[in-house]
Amino acid sequence: MLKIGSIVWGVRDLVRATTFWTAALDYLPREAPDDDWAVLIPRAGSGVQLALKLVTSESARRHHLDLYAEDQRAEVARLMALGAVRVDWRSGPDADYVVLADPDGNRFCVIQKNADWFQN
């Protein structure tokens, strides 16, 4: 079963965006932010995460969903059978995500869920 784990928000200034969104949503960082990535979680403990990703181009795709899967391989196969297509994406060898596009071309990621991220 899939679950929306994060909405990924492309930002030009990660520090400023982190400050704004933590205050606006009463969220806090899940862990110490990287230079180009921060994941914010609800202070109250439940709800969708907001992942902030540094983008360097005005033409970059700014927003997408991260879908968390208990069984990534099975979910990717199921989504492709429903009409999703795999996007040719260069990712590192330790990548925990697969980039797909829906039938309308909107990209999203299917991520192998890490139980340490959240319990709900």
PDB file of N, CA and C in Angstrom:
ATOM      1  N   MET A   1       0.846  -1.180   0.000  1.00  0.00           N
ATOM      2  CA  MET A   1       0.000   0.000   0.000  1.00  0.00           C
ATOM      3  C   MET A   1       0.885   1.234   0.000  1.00  0.00           C
ATOM      4  N   LEU A   2       0.505   2.208  -0.789  1.00  0.00           N
ATOM      5  CA  LEU A   2       1.240   3.469  -0.860  1.00  0.00           C
ATOM      6  C   LEU A   2       0.650   4.495   0.088  1.00  0.00           C
ATOM      7  N   LYS A   3       1.504   5.400   0.507  1.00  0.00           N
ATOM      8  CA  LYS A   3       1.095   6.492   1.384  1.00  0.00           C
ATOM      9  C   LYS A   3       1.872   7.729   0.955  1.00  0.00           C
ATOM     10  N   ILE A   4       1.202   8.887   0.908  1.00  0.00           N
ATOM     11  CA  ILE A   4       1.943  10.114   0.638  1.00  0.00           C
ATOM     12  C   ILE A   4       2.831  10.357   1.842  1.00  0.00           C
ATOM     13  N   GLY A   5       4.118  10.246   1.643  1.00  0.00           N
ATOM     14  CA  GLY A   5       5.072  10.432   2.731  1.00  0.00           C
ATOM     15  C   GLY A   5       5.563  11.859   2.793  1.00  0.00           C
ATOM     16  N   SER A   6       5.801  12.458   1.642  1.00  0.00           N
ATOM     17  CA  SER A   6       6.303  13.834   1.595  1.00  0.00           C
ATOM     18  C   SER A   6       5.767  14.534   0.369  1.00  0.00           C
ATOM     19  N   ILE A   7       5.539  15.810   0.535  1.00  0.00           N
ATOM     20  CA  ILE A   7       5.396  16.710  -0.596  1.00  0.00           C
ATOM     21  C   ILE A   7       6.761  17.360  -0.719  1.00  0.00           C
ATOM     22  N   VAL A   8       7.361  17.264  -1.897  1.00  0.00           N
ATOM     23  CA  VAL A   8       8.688  17.818  -2.117  1.00  0.00           C
ATOM     24  C   VAL A   8       8.523  19.186  -2.770  1.00  0.00           C
ATOM     25  N   TRP A   9       9.078  20.196  -2.117  1.00  0.00           N
ATOM     26  CA  TRP A   9       8.903  21.586  -2.502  1.00  0.00           C
ATOM     27  C   TRP A   9      10.254  22.127  -2.934  1.00  0.00           C
ATOM     28  N   GLY A  10      10.381  22.512  -4.194  1.00  0.00           N
ATOM     29  CA  GLY A  10      11.622  23.101  -4.689  1.00  0.00           C
ATOM     30  C   GLY A  10      11.760  24.536  -4.219  1.00  0.00           C
ATOM     31  N   VAL A  11      12.907  24.866  -3.668  1.00  0.00           N
ATOM     32  CA  VAL A  11      13.133  26.207  -3.121  1.00  0.00           C
ATOM     33  C   VAL A  11      14.471  26.752  -3.613  1.00  0.00           C
ATOM     34  N   ARG A  12      14.592  28.068  -3.641  1.00  0.00           N
ATOM     35  CA  ARG A  12      15.841  28.713  -4.056  1.00  0.00           C
ATOM     36  C   ARG A  12      16.746  29.034  -2.874  1.00  0.00           C
ATOM     37  N   ASP A  13      16.175  29.167  -1.671  1.00  0.00           N
ATOM     38  CA  ASP A  13      16.951  29.483  -0.464  1.00  0.00           C
ATOM     39  C   ASP A  13      16.496  28.513   0.630  1.00  0.00           C
ATOM     40  N   LEU A  14      17.286  27.469   0.846  1.00  0.00           N
ATOM     41  CA  LEU A  14      16.880  26.401   1.763  1.00  0.00           C
ATOM     42  C   LEU A  14      16.738  26.881   3.201  1.00  0.00           C
ATOM     43  N   VAL A  15      17.660  27.691   3.671  1.00  0.00           N
ATOM     44  CA  VAL A  15      17.597  28.174   5.056  1.00  0.00           C
ATOM     45  C   VAL A  15      16.348  29.025   5.262  1.00  0.00           C
ATOM     46  N   ARG A  16      16.114  29.955   4.361  1.00  0.00           N
ATOM     47  CA  ARG A  16      14.933  30.817   4.472  1.00  0.00           C
ATOM     48  C   ARG A  16      13.644  30.002   4.393  1.00  0.00           C
ATOM     49  N   ALA A  17      13.586  29.032   3.476  1.00  0.00           N
ATOM     50  CA  ALA A  17      12.389  28.207   3.333  1.00  0.00           C
ATOM     51  C   ALA A  17      12.162  27.353   4.572  1.00  0.00           C
ATOM     52  N   THR A  18      13.232  26.793   5.129  1.00  0.00           N
ATOM     53  CA  THR A  18      13.103  25.989   6.350  1.00  0.00           C
ATOM     54  C   THR A  18      12.567  26.831   7.490  1.00  0.00           C
ATOM     55  N   THR A  19      13.101  28.023   7.653  1.00  0.00           N
ATOM     56  CA  THR A  19      12.635  28.929   8.704  1.00  0.00           C
ATOM     57  C   THR A  19      11.161  29.270   8.513  1.00  0.00           C
ATOM     58  N   PHE A  20      10.786  29.597   7.286  1.00  0.00           N
ATOM     59  CA  PHE A  20       9.401  29.967   6.996  1.00  0.00           C
ATOM     60  C   PHE A  20       8.445  28.806   7.250  1.00  0.00           C
ATOM     61  N   TRP A  21       8.718  27.645   6.648  1.00  0.00           N
ATOM     62  CA  TRP A  21       7.765  26.543   6.721  1.00  0.00           C
ATOM     63  C   TRP A  21       7.677  25.911   8.107  1.00  0.00           C
ATOM     64  N   THR A  22       8.771  25.892   8.860  1.00  0.00           N
ATOM     65  CA  THR A  22       8.665  25.363  10.225  1.00  0.00           C
ATOM     66  C   THR A  22       7.751  26.253  11.057  1.00  0.00           C
ATOM     67  N   ALA A  23       7.857  27.571  10.876  1.00  0.00           N
ATOM     68  CA  ALA A  23       6.991  28.488  11.621  1.00  0.00           C
ATOM     69  C   ALA A  23       5.561  28.465  11.098  1.00  0.00           C
ATOM     70  N   ALA A  24       5.397  28.447   9.775  1.00  0.00           N
ATOM     71  CA  ALA A  24       4.056  28.500   9.181  1.00  0.00           C
ATOM     72  C   ALA A  24       3.224  27.270   9.527  1.00  0.00           C
ATOM     73  N   LEU A  25       3.856  26.106   9.550  1.00  0.00           N
ATOM     74  CA  LEU A  25       3.118  24.852   9.748  1.00  0.00           C
ATOM     75  C   LEU A  25       3.284  24.244  11.135  1.00  0.00           C
ATOM     76  N   ASP A  26       4.091  24.870  11.987  1.00  0.00           N
ATOM     77  CA  ASP A  26       4.470  24.308  13.287  1.00  0.00           C
ATOM     78  C   ASP A  26       5.111  22.938  13.086  1.00  0.00           C
ATOM     79  N   TYR A  27       6.054  22.882  12.154  1.00  0.00           N
ATOM     80  CA  TYR A  27       6.831  21.687  11.846  1.00  0.00           C
ATOM     81  C   TYR A  27       8.224  21.842  12.444  1.00  0.00           C
ATOM     82  N   LEU A  28       8.982  20.758  12.435  1.00  0.00           N
ATOM     83  CA  LEU A  28      10.379  20.800  12.852  1.00  0.00           C
ATOM     84  C   LEU A  28      11.181  19.861  11.964  1.00  0.00           C
ATOM     85  N   PRO A  29      12.500  20.075  11.853  1.00  0.00           N
ATOM     86  CA  PRO A  29      13.309  19.191  11.000  1.00  0.00           C
ATOM     87  C   PRO A  29      13.319  17.760  11.529  1.00  0.00           C
ATOM     88  N   ARG A  30      13.191  16.797  10.619  1.00  0.00           N
ATOM     89  CA  ARG A  30      13.248  15.384  10.991  1.00  0.00           C
ATOM     90  C   ARG A  30      14.658  15.015  11.443  1.00  0.00           C
ATOM     91  N   GLU A  31      15.660  15.598  10.784  1.00  0.00           N
ATOM     92  CA  GLU A  31      17.068  15.458  11.149  1.00  0.00           C
ATOM     93  C   GLU A  31      17.773  16.716  10.677  1.00  0.00           C
ATOM     94  N   ALA A  32      19.035  16.851  10.963  1.00  0.00           N
ATOM     95  CA  ALA A  32      19.788  18.033  10.542  1.00  0.00           C
ATOM     96  C   ALA A  32      19.742  18.147   9.016  1.00  0.00           C
ATOM     97  N   PRO A  33      19.394  19.312   8.485  1.00  0.00           N
ATOM     98  CA  PRO A  33      19.323  19.484   7.037  1.00  0.00           C
ATOM     99  C   PRO A  33      20.689  19.323   6.369  1.00  0.00           C
ATOM    100  N   ASP A  34      20.670  18.853   5.122  1.00  0.00           N
ATOM    101  CA  ASP A  34      21.863  18.838   4.278  1.00  0.00           C
ATOM    102  C   ASP A  34      21.990  20.206   3.620  1.00  0.00           C
ATOM    103  N   ASP A  35      22.995  20.370   2.799  1.00  0.00           N
ATOM    104  CA  ASP A  35      23.171  21.638   2.077  1.00  0.00           C
ATOM    105  C   ASP A  35      22.059  21.888   1.073  1.00  0.00           C
ATOM    106  N   ASP A  36      21.438  20.803   0.575  1.00  0.00           N
ATOM    107  CA  ASP A  36      20.439  20.963  -0.472  1.00  0.00           C
ATOM    108  C   ASP A  36      19.108  20.247  -0.185  1.00  0.00           C
ATOM    109  N   TRP A  37      18.912  19.798   1.064  1.00  0.00           N
ATOM    110  CA  TRP A  37      17.722  18.985   1.363  1.00  0.00           C
ATOM    111  C   TRP A  37      17.378  19.081   2.835  1.00  0.00           C
ATOM    112  N   ALA A  38      16.100  19.263   3.141  1.00  0.00           N
ATOM    113  CA  ALA A  38      15.617  19.240   4.523  1.00  0.00           C
ATOM    114  C   ALA A  38      14.245  18.583   4.526  1.00  0.00           C
ATOM    115  N   VAL A  39      13.989  17.759   5.527  1.00  0.00           N
ATOM    116  CA  VAL A  39      12.676  17.128   5.674  1.00  0.00           C
ATOM    117  C   VAL A  39      12.067  17.647   6.968  1.00  0.00           C
ATOM    118  N   LEU A  40      10.878  18.229   6.848  1.00  0.00           N
ATOM    119  CA  LEU A  40      10.172  18.791   7.992  1.00  0.00           C
ATOM    120  C   LEU A  40       8.993  17.888   8.339  1.00  0.00           C
ATOM    121  N   ILE A  41       8.775  17.711   9.633  1.00  0.00           N
ATOM    122  CA  ILE A  41       7.687  16.866  10.114  1.00  0.00           C
ATOM    123  C   ILE A  41       6.816  17.655  11.082  1.00  0.00           C
ATOM    124  N   PRO A  42       5.560  17.265  11.206  1.00  0.00           N
ATOM    125  CA  PRO A  42       4.662  17.957  12.136  1.00  0.00           C
ATOM    126  C   PRO A  42       5.157  17.812  13.578  1.00  0.00           C
ATOM    127  N   ARG A  43       5.183  18.922  14.287  1.00  0.00           N
ATOM    128  CA  ARG A  43       5.563  18.884  15.701  1.00  0.00           C
ATOM    129  C   ARG A  43       4.588  18.011  16.487  1.00  0.00           C
ATOM    130  N   ALA A  44       3.326  18.001  16.071  1.00  0.00           N
ATOM    131  CA  ALA A  44       2.302  17.220  16.766  1.00  0.00           C
ATOM    132  C   ALA A  44       2.452  15.722  16.538  1.00  0.00           C
ATOM    133  N   GLY A  45       3.270  15.315  15.561  1.00  0.00           N
ATOM    134  CA  GLY A  45       3.572  13.906  15.395  1.00  0.00           C
ATOM    135  C   GLY A  45       2.856  13.176  14.279  1.00  0.00           C
ATOM    136  N   SER A  46       1.828  13.738  13.679  1.00  0.00           N
ATOM    137  CA  SER A  46       1.173  13.045  12.581  1.00  0.00           C
ATOM    138  C   SER A  46       0.892  14.031  11.457  1.00  0.00           C
ATOM    139  N   GLY A  47       0.915  13.514  10.256  1.00  0.00           N
ATOM    140  CA  GLY A  47       0.668  14.342   9.083  1.00  0.00           C
ATOM    141  C   GLY A  47       1.728  14.128   8.034  1.00  0.00           C
ATOM    142  N   VAL A  48       1.533  14.752   6.911  1.00  0.00           N
ATOM    143  CA  VAL A  48       2.435  14.615   5.773  1.00  0.00           C
ATOM    144  C   VAL A  48       3.700  15.440   6.002  1.00  0.00           C
ATOM    145  N   GLN A  49       4.825  14.846   5.648  1.00  0.00           N
ATOM    146  CA  GLN A  49       6.096  15.556   5.736  1.00  0.00           C
ATOM    147  C   GLN A  49       6.205  16.556   4.594  1.00  0.00           C
ATOM    148  N   LEU A  50       6.977  17.613   4.802  1.00  0.00           N
ATOM    149  CA  LEU A  50       7.309  18.562   3.751  1.00  0.00           C
ATOM    150  C   LEU A  50       8.812  18.486   3.547  1.00  0.00           C
ATOM    151  N   ALA A  51       9.228  18.036   2.370  1.00  0.00           N
ATOM    152  CA  ALA A  51      10.648  17.957   2.045  1.00  0.00           C
ATOM    153  C   ALA A  51      10.990  19.178   1.204  1.00  0.00           C
ATOM    154  N   LEU A  52      12.033  19.887   1.601  1.00  0.00           N
ATOM    155  CA  LEU A  52      12.490  21.063   0.878  1.00  0.00           C
ATOM    156  C   LEU A  52      13.747  20.696   0.110  1.00  0.00           C
ATOM    157  N   LYS A  53      13.730  20.919  -1.208  1.00  0.00           N
ATOM    158  CA  LYS A  53      14.864  20.578  -2.062  1.00  0.00           C
ATOM    159  C   LYS A  53      15.366  21.836  -2.743  1.00  0.00           C
ATOM    160  N   LEU A  54      16.653  22.092  -2.609  1.00  0.00           N
ATOM    161  CA  LEU A  54      17.262  23.240  -3.256  1.00  0.00           C
ATOM    162  C   LEU A  54      17.254  23.031  -4.767  1.00  0.00           C
ATOM    163  N   VAL A  55      16.706  23.988  -5.503  1.00  0.00           N
ATOM    164  CA  VAL A  55      16.742  23.957  -6.965  1.00  0.00           C
ATOM    165  C   VAL A  55      17.578  25.142  -7.430  1.00  0.00           C
ATOM    166  N   THR A  56      18.299  24.933  -8.502  1.00  0.00           N
ATOM    167  CA  THR A  56      19.213  25.977  -8.975  1.00  0.00           C
ATOM    168  C   THR A  56      18.771  26.587 -10.286  1.00  0.00           C
ATOM    169  N   SER A  57      17.666  26.141 -10.817  1.00  0.00           N
ATOM    170  CA  SER A  57      17.189  26.635 -12.095  1.00  0.00           C
ATOM    171  C   SER A  57      15.730  27.048 -11.980  1.00  0.00           C
ATOM    172  N   GLU A  58      15.402  28.162 -12.600  1.00  0.00           N
ATOM    173  CA  GLU A  58      14.003  28.607 -12.612  1.00  0.00           C
ATOM    174  C   GLU A  58      13.118  27.625 -13.363  1.00  0.00           C
ATOM    175  N   SER A  59      13.698  26.864 -14.305  1.00  0.00           N
ATOM    176  CA  SER A  59      12.895  25.941 -15.102  1.00  0.00           C
ATOM    177  C   SER A  59      12.789  24.557 -14.471  1.00  0.00           C
ATOM    178  N   ALA A  60      13.416  24.354 -13.320  1.00  0.00           N
ATOM    179  CA  ALA A  60      13.355  23.049 -12.654  1.00  0.00           C
ATOM    180  C   ALA A  60      11.929  22.738 -12.226  1.00  0.00           C
ATOM    181  N   ARG A  61      11.588  21.455 -12.254  1.00  0.00           N
ATOM    182  CA  ARG A  61      10.283  21.060 -11.719  1.00  0.00           C
ATOM    183  C   ARG A  61      10.325  21.317 -10.229  1.00  0.00           C
ATOM    184  N   ARG A  62       9.409  22.111  -9.745  1.00  0.00           N
ATOM    185  CA  ARG A  62       9.515  22.619  -8.381  1.00  0.00           C
ATOM    186  C   ARG A  62       8.833  21.746  -7.339  1.00  0.00           C
ATOM    187  N   HIS A  63       7.812  20.992  -7.713  1.00  0.00           N
ATOM    188  CA  HIS A  63       7.047  20.251  -6.711  1.00  0.00           C
ATOM    189  C   HIS A  63       6.684  18.859  -7.223  1.00  0.00           C
ATOM    190  N   HIS A  64       6.696  17.882  -6.321  1.00  0.00           N
ATOM    191  CA  HIS A  64       6.249  16.535  -6.661  1.00  0.00           C
ATOM    192  C   HIS A  64       5.933  15.779  -5.378  1.00  0.00           C
ATOM    193  N   LEU A  65       5.300  14.623  -5.525  1.00  0.00           N
ATOM    194  CA  LEU A  65       4.977  13.772  -4.384  1.00  0.00           C
ATOM    195  C   LEU A  65       6.031  12.697  -4.211  1.00  0.00           C
ATOM    196  N   ASP A  66       6.327  12.376  -2.962  1.00  0.00           N
ATOM    197  CA  ASP A  66       7.084  11.185  -2.618  1.00  0.00           C
ATOM    198  C   ASP A  66       6.088  10.204  -2.013  1.00  0.00           C
ATOM    199  N   LEU A  67       5.937   9.059  -2.646  1.00  0.00           N
ATOM    200  CA  LEU A  67       5.029   8.030  -2.154  1.00  0.00           C
ATOM    201  C   LEU A  67       5.856   6.961  -1.461  1.00  0.00           C
ATOM    202  N   TYR A  68       5.526   6.662  -0.221  1.00  0.00           N
ATOM    203  CA  TYR A  68       6.264   5.681   0.570  1.00  0.00           C
ATOM    204  C   TYR A  68       5.617   4.317   0.407  1.00  0.00           C
ATOM    205  N   ALA A  69       6.449   3.308   0.201  1.00  0.00           N
ATOM    206  CA  ALA A  69       5.959   1.960  -0.040  1.00  0.00           C
ATOM    207  C   ALA A  69       6.612   0.987   0.925  1.00  0.00           C
ATOM    208  N   GLU A  70       5.821   0.048   1.407  1.00  0.00           N
ATOM    209  CA  GLU A  70       6.352  -1.047   2.209  1.00  0.00           C
ATOM    210  C   GLU A  70       7.146  -2.001   1.314  1.00  0.00           C
ATOM    211  N   ASP A  71       6.682  -2.164   0.067  1.00  0.00           N
ATOM    212  CA  ASP A  71       7.337  -3.023  -0.916  1.00  0.00           C
ATOM    213  C   ASP A  71       7.454  -2.230  -2.214  1.00  0.00           C
ATOM    214  N   GLN A  72       8.546  -1.504  -2.348  1.00  0.00           N
ATOM    215  CA  GLN A  72       8.742  -0.604  -3.476  1.00  0.00           C
ATOM    216  C   GLN A  72       8.623  -1.321  -4.821  1.00  0.00           C
ATOM    217  N   ARG A  73       9.281  -2.450  -4.959  1.00  0.00           N
ATOM    218  CA  ARG A  73       9.279  -3.170  -6.235  1.00  0.00           C
ATOM    219  C   ARG A  73       7.853  -3.531  -6.661  1.00  0.00           C
ATOM    220  N   ALA A  74       7.053  -4.041  -5.737  1.00  0.00           N
ATOM    221  CA  ALA A  74       5.674  -4.425  -6.056  1.00  0.00           C
ATOM    222  C   ALA A  74       4.837  -3.203  -6.412  1.00  0.00           C
ATOM    223  N   GLU A  75       5.032  -2.105  -5.685  1.00  0.00           N
ATOM    224  CA  GLU A  75       4.246  -0.899  -5.958  1.00  0.00           C
ATOM    225  C   GLU A  75       4.614  -0.284  -7.301  1.00  0.00           C
ATOM    226  N   VAL A  76       5.901  -0.275  -7.643  1.00  0.00           N
ATOM    227  CA  VAL A  76       6.313   0.254  -8.947  1.00  0.00           C
ATOM    228  C   VAL A  76       5.675  -0.575 -10.057  1.00  0.00           C
ATOM    229  N   ALA A  77       5.699  -1.885  -9.920  1.00  0.00           N
ATOM    230  CA  ALA A  77       5.072  -2.751 -10.924  1.00  0.00           C
ATOM    231  C   ALA A  77       3.571  -2.480 -11.018  1.00  0.00           C
ATOM    232  N   ARG A  78       2.919  -2.327  -9.871  1.00  0.00           N
ATOM    233  CA  ARG A  78       1.471  -2.067  -9.861  1.00  0.00           C
ATOM    234  C   ARG A  78       1.153  -0.740 -10.536  1.00  0.00           C
ATOM    235  N   LEU A  79       1.935   0.296 -10.221  1.00  0.00           N
ATOM    236  CA  LEU A  79       1.700   1.618 -10.803  1.00  0.00           C
ATOM    237  C   LEU A  79       1.950   1.613 -12.313  1.00  0.00           C
ATOM    238  N   MET A  80       2.971   0.884 -12.742  1.00  0.00           N
ATOM    239  CA  MET A  80       3.234   0.798 -14.178  1.00  0.00           C
ATOM    240  C   MET A  80       2.111   0.055 -14.894  1.00  0.00           C
ATOM    241  N   ALA A  81       1.536  -0.940 -14.248  1.00  0.00           N
ATOM    242  CA  ALA A  81       0.395  -1.645 -14.834  1.00  0.00           C
ATOM    243  C   ALA A  81      -0.821  -0.724 -14.946  1.00  0.00           C
ATOM    244  N   LEU A  82      -0.879   0.287 -14.079  1.00  0.00           N
ATOM    245  CA  LEU A  82      -1.985   1.257 -14.114  1.00  0.00           C
ATOM    246  C   LEU A  82      -1.749   2.378 -15.122  1.00  0.00           C
ATOM    247  N   GLY A  83      -0.547   2.429 -15.703  1.00  0.00           N
ATOM    248  CA  GLY A  83      -0.284   3.439 -16.720  1.00  0.00           C
ATOM    249  C   GLY A  83       0.884   4.360 -16.440  1.00  0.00           C
ATOM    250  N   ALA A  84       1.526   4.223 -15.293  1.00  0.00           N
ATOM    251  CA  ALA A  84       2.718   5.027 -15.015  1.00  0.00           C
ATOM    252  C   ALA A  84       3.871   4.527 -15.876  1.00  0.00           C
ATOM    253  N   VAL A  85       4.843   5.395 -16.123  1.00  0.00           N
ATOM    254  CA  VAL A  85       6.040   5.011 -16.869  1.00  0.00           C
ATOM    255  C   VAL A  85       7.267   5.408 -16.063  1.00  0.00           C
ATOM    256  N   ARG A  86       8.321   4.620 -16.216  1.00  0.00           N
ATOM    257  CA  ARG A  86       9.583   4.909 -15.532  1.00  0.00           C
ATOM    258  C   ARG A  86      10.265   6.078 -16.237  1.00  0.00           C
ATOM    259  N   VAL A  87      10.776   7.003 -15.449  1.00  0.00           N
ATOM    260  CA  VAL A  87      11.497   8.152 -15.974  1.00  0.00           C
ATOM    261  C   VAL A  87      12.989   7.839 -15.914  1.00  0.00           C
ATOM    262  N   ASP A  88      13.693   8.118 -16.998  1.00  0.00           N
ATOM    263  CA  ASP A  88      15.141   7.924 -17.023  1.00  0.00           C
ATOM    264  C   ASP A  88      15.763   9.000 -16.137  1.00  0.00           C
ATOM    265  N   TRP A  89      16.226   8.593 -14.973  1.00  0.00           N
ATOM    266  CA  TRP A  89      16.708   9.533 -13.964  1.00  0.00           C
ATOM    267  C   TRP A  89      18.059   9.071 -13.442  1.00  0.00           C
ATOM    268  N   ARG A  90      19.024   9.949 -13.446  1.00  0.00           N
ATOM    269  CA  ARG A  90      20.340   9.600 -12.901  1.00  0.00           C
ATOM    270  C   ARG A  90      20.299   9.752 -11.389  1.00  0.00           C
ATOM    271  N   SER A  91      20.477   8.658 -10.711  1.00  0.00           N
ATOM    272  CA  SER A  91      20.489   8.687  -9.249  1.00  0.00           C
ATOM    273  C   SER A  91      21.691   7.885  -8.775  1.00  0.00           C
ATOM    274  N   GLY A  92      22.102   8.153  -7.555  1.00  0.00           N
ATOM    275  CA  GLY A  92      23.250   7.472  -6.990  1.00  0.00           C
ATOM    276  C   GLY A  92      22.973   6.010  -6.720  1.00  0.00           C
ATOM    277  N   PRO A  93      24.026   5.246  -6.456  1.00  0.00           N
ATOM    278  CA  PRO A  93      23.859   3.807  -6.227  1.00  0.00           C
ATOM    279  C   PRO A  93      23.072   3.477  -4.962  1.00  0.00           C
ATOM    280  N   ASP A  94      23.004   4.400  -4.027  1.00  0.00           N
ATOM    281  CA  ASP A  94      22.269   4.155  -2.783  1.00  0.00           C
ATOM    282  C   ASP A  94      20.863   4.740  -2.802  1.00  0.00           C
ATOM    283  N   ALA A  95      20.395   5.151  -3.964  1.00  0.00           N
ATOM    284  CA  ALA A  95      19.073   5.779  -4.060  1.00  0.00           C
ATOM    285  C   ALA A  95      17.996   4.829  -3.570  1.00  0.00           C
ATOM    286  N   ASP A  96      17.092   5.361  -2.751  1.00  0.00           N
ATOM    287  CA  ASP A  96      15.980   4.568  -2.233  1.00  0.00           C
ATOM    288  C   ASP A  96      14.680   4.890  -2.964  1.00  0.00           C
ATOM    289  N   TYR A  97      14.771   5.539  -4.108  1.00  0.00           N
ATOM    290  CA  TYR A  97      13.587   5.983  -4.834  1.00  0.00           C
ATOM    291  C   TYR A  97      13.650   5.553  -6.301  1.00  0.00           C
ATOM    292  N   VAL A  98      12.452   5.465  -6.888  1.00  0.00           N
ATOM    293  CA  VAL A  98      12.281   5.233  -8.323  1.00  0.00           C
ATOM    294  C   VAL A  98      11.413   6.377  -8.821  1.00  0.00           C
ATOM    295  N   VAL A  99      11.827   7.019  -9.904  1.00  0.00           N
ATOM    296  CA  VAL A  99      11.068   8.131 -10.466  1.00  0.00           C
ATOM    297  C   VAL A  99      10.144   7.598 -11.549  1.00  0.00           C
ATOM    298  N   LEU A 100       8.865   7.902 -11.390  1.00  0.00           N
ATOM    299  CA  LEU A 100       7.841   7.517 -12.359  1.00  0.00           C
ATOM    300  C   LEU A 100       7.102   8.770 -12.817  1.00  0.00           C
ATOM    301  N   ALA A 101       6.355   8.633 -13.895  1.00  0.00           N
ATOM    302  CA  ALA A 101       5.455   9.690 -14.353  1.00  0.00           C
ATOM    303  C   ALA A 101       4.070   9.090 -14.505  1.00  0.00           C
ATOM    304  N   ASP A 102       3.061   9.860 -14.117  1.00  0.00           N
ATOM    305  CA  ASP A 102       1.689   9.402 -14.279  1.00  0.00           C
ATOM    306  C   ASP A 102       1.302   9.518 -15.758  1.00  0.00           C
ATOM    307  N   PRO A 103       0.107   9.063 -16.148  1.00  0.00           N
ATOM    308  CA  PRO A 103      -0.272   9.104 -17.568  1.00  0.00           C
ATOM    309  C   PRO A 103      -0.280  10.512 -18.168  1.00  0.00           C
ATOM    310  N   ASP A 104      -0.332  11.543 -17.328  1.00  0.00           N
ATOM    311  CA  ASP A 104      -0.321  12.917 -17.816  1.00  0.00           C
ATOM    312  C   ASP A 104       1.091  13.508 -17.831  1.00  0.00           C
ATOM    313  N   GLY A 105       2.091  12.717 -17.427  1.00  0.00           N
ATOM    314  CA  GLY A 105       3.474  13.179 -17.450  1.00  0.00           C
ATOM    315  C   GLY A 105       3.973  13.793 -16.153  1.00  0.00           C
ATOM    316  N   ASN A 106       3.138  13.834 -15.125  1.00  0.00           N
ATOM    317  CA  ASN A 106       3.559  14.384 -13.841  1.00  0.00           C
ATOM    318  C   ASN A 106       4.460  13.380 -13.128  1.00  0.00           C
ATOM    319  N   ARG A 107       5.622  13.838 -12.716  1.00  0.00           N
ATOM    320  CA  ARG A 107       6.585  12.952 -12.068  1.00  0.00           C
ATOM    321  C   ARG A 107       6.310  12.816 -10.574  1.00  0.00           C
ATOM    322  N   PHE A 108       6.657  11.636 -10.054  1.00  0.00           N
ATOM    323  CA  PHE A 108       6.576  11.373  -8.628  1.00  0.00           C
ATOM    324  C   PHE A 108       7.591  10.296  -8.295  1.00  0.00           C
ATOM    325  N   CYS A 109       7.905  10.161  -7.031  1.00  0.00           N
ATOM    326  CA  CYS A 109       8.880   9.165  -6.597  1.00  0.00           C
ATOM    327  C   CYS A 109       8.204   8.105  -5.740  1.00  0.00           C
ATOM    328  N   VAL A 110       8.632   6.864  -5.914  1.00  0.00           N
ATOM    329  CA  VAL A 110       8.216   5.776  -5.049  1.00  0.00           C
ATOM    330  C   VAL A 110       9.440   5.411  -4.223  1.00  0.00           C
ATOM    331  N   ILE A 111       9.299   5.536  -2.918  1.00  0.00           N
ATOM    332  CA  ILE A 111      10.418   5.381  -2.001  1.00  0.00           C
ATOM    333  C   ILE A 111      10.187   4.182  -1.105  1.00  0.00           C
ATOM    334  N   GLN A 112      11.240   3.398  -0.939  1.00  0.00           N
ATOM    335  CA  GLN A 112      11.181   2.297   0.018  1.00  0.00           C
ATOM    336  C   GLN A 112      11.123   2.897   1.412  1.00  0.00           C
ATOM    337  N   LYS A 113      10.037   2.708   2.097  1.00  0.00           N
ATOM    338  CA  LYS A 113       9.820   3.307   3.412  1.00  0.00           C
ATOM    339  C   LYS A 113      10.826   2.791   4.433  1.00  0.00           C
ATOM    340  N   ASN A 114      11.349   3.684   5.196  1.00  0.00           N
ATOM    341  CA  ASN A 114      12.231   3.369   6.313  1.00  0.00           C
ATOM    342  C   ASN A 114      11.399   3.504   7.582  1.00  0.00           C
ATOM    343  N   ALA A 115      11.260   2.444   8.334  1.00  0.00           N
ATOM    344  CA  ALA A 115      10.396   2.438   9.521  1.00  0.00           C
ATOM    345  C   ALA A 115      10.820   3.470  10.562  1.00  0.00           C
ATOM    346  N   ASP A 116      12.060   3.909  10.521  1.00  0.00           N
ATOM    347  CA  ASP A 116      12.527   4.898  11.491  1.00  0.00           C
ATOM    348  C   ASP A 116      12.006   6.303  11.209  1.00  0.00           C
ATOM    349  N   TRP A 117      11.480   6.551   9.994  1.00  0.00           N
ATOM    350  CA  TRP A 117      11.060   7.896   9.651  1.00  0.00           C
ATOM    351  C   TRP A 117       9.832   8.334  10.428  1.00  0.00           C
ATOM    352  N   PHE A 118       8.839   7.486  10.501  1.00  0.00           N
ATOM    353  CA  PHE A 118       7.621   7.803  11.247  1.00  0.00           C
ATOM    354  C   PHE A 118       6.834   6.525  11.445  1.00  0.00           C
ATOM    355  N   GLN A 119       5.942   6.558  12.379  1.00  0.00           N
ATOM    356  CA  GLN A 119       5.183   5.355  12.728  1.00  0.00           C
ATOM    357  C   GLN A 119       3.794   5.323  12.091  1.00  0.00           C
ATOM    358  N   ASN A 120       3.246   6.452  11.666  1.00  0.00           N
ATOM    359  CA  ASN A 120       1.859   6.444  11.166  1.00  0.00           C
ATOM    360  C   ASN A 120       1.804   6.187   9.689  1.00  0.00           C
TER     361      ASN A 120
END
